[in-house]
Amino acid sequence: MEIALVLVLLIILILPLTMRKVEDNLEYFLFAMGILATIISKAMSIHFILEILENHFLYMITFAVLVGGLLFRYINRYVERAMNYSLKHVSLKVFIFTMIILIGLVSSVITAIIAALFLVEIIEMLPVNRENKIKINIIACFSIGLGSILTPIGEPLATIIATKLNLDFWYMLSNIGRYIIPTIIILGILGASYGIKNNEDLEETKPRIVNQTITDIVVKAVKIFIFIIALDMLGAGFRPLVDKYIIQLDSSILYWINMSSAVLDNATLAAAEISSKMTAKQINAITLGLLISGGMMIPGNIPNIISSGRLRIKSSEWMKFGVPLGLIIMVTFYVILFV
């Protein structure tokens, strides 16, 4: 069983990078792999399926994406006007710097889902070329992923940690805010460096409205629904490996092992790993490892999934920038936490 699960994990990592059809249909591919993983680990059952379908977060995200998409379809002209007004009064670099910091910090209050929906509308209209849009979006998704942990309502990972450890509302802000907030500011500086207008191709960089049809919006919401179910199944399918080989490891090793959250649901891993018997240092290491690595690949976090679908970012495009950036942040935090 364990060998088969490792093979499934390798397939998940390799096929989206080597096969265009898999990359273009990532949601359905991960759904199929999730079914396979749960069958191999014998986690598949009627009870398990009902448990997934009873997860209110599944419907909350899908509903938010659907309603948000329909709402932005009608207000994006006003968003564009607001952006144009802002860019007349501040430079593009200052705008991007401010946007990345604000969207990261407020994600802990408005949730990572809503923050991601705002993000894609802004990124779509930025007067920069596509390559820089992708980089700015990935940086902003790292910012949302990190910022949303600061309160229990920001994302499921924060909710699970707060619930399992019986933490007060401001615990994460007071405990790891000193790591998170400076990192978000640095991400803002990095994102601003890609705020370069390409004057050679004004049409490509001109802010423009992208009109999605209602059908497009509904299909996107359905894909998000399937994607989240797939992540739930993958988490359950790989749980035997987590329980046997990961949970008992030292916190410094867990920090790196949690890079698997780039593919698996970080909330599932947190539910399996976090214990009230752990020290604050261990909890910080696990939490930060999950948060940072979650930005490396598209399945790692909800903002990644939402924005990559809307902006049509391929897995290979995301990993080309997301993996090196994530590794740099991982190494930096490892030195801070353990050296």
Foldseek 3Di string as FASTA:
>chain_A
DVVVLVVLLVCLVPVLVPPVVCQVQVLVVLLVSLVVLCVVQVVDDPVLVVVLVPPVVLVVLLVCLLVLLVVCLPCLVVVLVVVVVVCVPDPLLVVLLVLLLVLLQCLLPVALSVSLSVLLSVLLFALAALLLSLLSLLLSNLSNLLNNLQFLRHDLLNVLLCVQQVHDGRCSCVQCVVPNNVSSSVSSNVSSVSSDHDVVCRPRRHGDDDNDDSVRSNVLSVSSSSNVSSLSSSLNSCVVVCLPPNQPDDLLVLLQVLLCLCAHELSSSSNSRDHNPDDSLSVVSNSVSLSLSLSQFQSNDDSSVSNCSSSVPTRVSSNVNSVVVSVVSSVVVSVVRPD
